[in-house]
């Protein structure tokens, strides 16, 4: 059992314990469970391959840019860092990025 499976299980328990949740909240939780179960079935290599498609580049960029803004990084430095970040998203594999952590 991996972390994705454990998280999906916890969300399922939440649904059982909280029948009073709104339909919208229930629908969001069900979507999250579906995503977690999908990720649970994938190997690290599969997840790396998925990230390497570039499908998550804009999302990653948005998180990173927001972090830089919240840390009050000056504009020139931010522009340089974001340029390097975009470059790395294009040329560095997800496996290599994981290894850099």
Protein backbone atom coordinates (compact mmCIF):
# COMPACT_ATOMS: atom_id res chain seq x y z
CA UNK A 1 0.00 0.00 0.00
CA UNK A 2 1.47 3.36 -1.00
CA UNK A 3 0.73 6.94 0.03
CA UNK A 4 -1.75 7.44 -2.79
CA UNK A 5 -3.74 4.41 -1.68
CA UNK A 6 -3.69 5.56 1.94
CA UNK A 7 -4.90 9.02 0.97
CA UNK A 8 -7.71 7.60 -1.17
CA UNK A 9 -8.75 5.38 1.73
CA UNK A 10 -8.81 8.37 4.09
CA UNK A 11 -11.03 10.31 1.69
CA UNK A 12 -13.38 7.34 1.40
CA UNK A 13 -13.61 7.22 5.19
CA UNK A 14 -14.35 10.94 5.24
CA UNK A 15 -17.28 10.39 2.86
CA UNK A 16 -18.62 7.65 5.13
CA UNK A 17 -18.20 9.72 8.28
CA UNK A 18 -19.60 12.95 6.85
CA UNK A 19 -22.88 12.23 5.04
CA UNK A 20 -23.76 15.90 5.64
CA UNK A 21 -21.22 17.15 3.07
CA UNK A 22 -22.64 19.14 0.20
CA UNK A 23 -23.05 17.48 -3.16
CA UNK A 24 -20.30 19.71 -4.54
CA UNK A 25 -17.90 18.69 -1.77
CA UNK A 26 -18.75 15.02 -2.31
CA UNK A 27 -18.15 15.36 -6.06
CA UNK A 28 -14.76 17.01 -5.45
CA UNK A 29 -13.75 14.30 -3.01
CA UNK A 30 -14.80 11.58 -5.46
CA UNK A 31 -12.64 13.21 -8.16
CA UNK A 32 -9.72 13.34 -5.77
CA UNK A 33 -10.18 9.66 -4.90
CA UNK A 34 -10.25 8.75 -8.59
CA UNK A 35 -7.00 10.68 -9.19
CA UNK A 36 -5.29 9.15 -6.17
CA UNK A 37 -6.29 5.63 -7.19
CA UNK A 38 -4.94 6.25 -10.68
CA UNK A 39 -1.64 7.50 -9.25
CA UNK A 40 -1.48 4.50 -6.90
CA UNK A 41 -1.51 2.16 -9.89
CA UNK A 42 1.41 3.93 -11.55
CA UNK A 43 5.07 3.28 -10.94
CA UNK A 44 7.50 6.13 -10.26
CA UNK A 45 8.69 5.69 -13.83
CA UNK A 46 5.11 6.04 -15.12
CA UNK A 47 4.62 9.22 -13.06
CA UNK A 48 7.91 10.59 -14.39
CA UNK A 49 6.81 9.82 -17.94
CA UNK A 50 3.51 11.58 -17.31
CA UNK A 51 5.29 14.68 -16.01
CA UNK A 52 7.75 14.59 -18.91
CA UNK A 53 4.88 15.08 -21.38
CA UNK A 54 4.83 18.74 -20.35
CA UNK A 55 1.20 18.51 -19.32
CA UNK A 56 2.02 19.96 -15.91
CA UNK A 57 4.55 22.61 -16.92
CA UNK A 58 2.14 25.53 -16.69
CA UNK A 59 0.87 24.37 -13.32
CA UNK A 60 4.41 23.93 -11.98
CA UNK A 61 5.38 27.33 -13.39
CA UNK A 62 2.39 28.95 -11.68
CA UNK A 63 3.27 27.45 -8.30
CA UNK A 64 6.90 28.45 -8.65
CA UNK A 65 6.12 32.00 -9.79
CA UNK A 66 3.69 32.44 -6.90
CA UNK A 67 6.36 31.26 -4.44
CA UNK A 68 8.85 33.77 -5.83
CA UNK A 69 6.31 36.60 -5.54
CA UNK A 70 5.43 35.63 -1.97
CA UNK A 71 9.15 35.71 -1.11
CA UNK A 72 9.41 39.24 -2.54
CA UNK A 73 12.04 38.29 -5.11
CA UNK A 74 12.89 41.35 -7.23
CA UNK A 75 11.65 41.45 -10.84
CA UNK A 76 15.01 40.97 -12.56
CA UNK A 77 15.97 38.03 -10.38
CA UNK A 78 12.49 36.55 -10.79
CA UNK A 79 12.68 36.87 -14.57
CA UNK A 80 16.08 35.12 -14.61
CA UNK A 81 14.93 32.33 -12.32
CA UNK A 82 11.68 31.77 -14.24
CA UNK A 83 13.55 31.69 -17.52
CA UNK A 84 15.88 29.02 -16.13
CA UNK A 85 12.90 27.13 -14.69
CA UNK A 86 11.15 27.06 -18.11
CA UNK A 87 14.39 25.89 -19.71
CA UNK A 88 14.80 23.09 -17.17
CA UNK A 89 11.21 21.96 -17.70
CA UNK A 90 12.08 21.56 -21.39
CA UNK A 91 15.46 19.84 -21.08
CA UNK A 92 15.56 18.04 -17.72
CA UNK A 93 13.74 14.77 -17.17
CA UNK A 94 11.42 14.29 -14.22
CA UNK A 95 13.68 11.46 -13.04
CA UNK A 96 16.68 13.81 -13.00
CA UNK A 97 14.65 16.43 -11.15
CA UNK A 98 13.63 13.87 -8.52
CA UNK A 99 17.28 12.88 -8.12
CA UNK A 100 18.21 16.54 -7.52
CA UNK A 101 16.02 16.77 -4.41
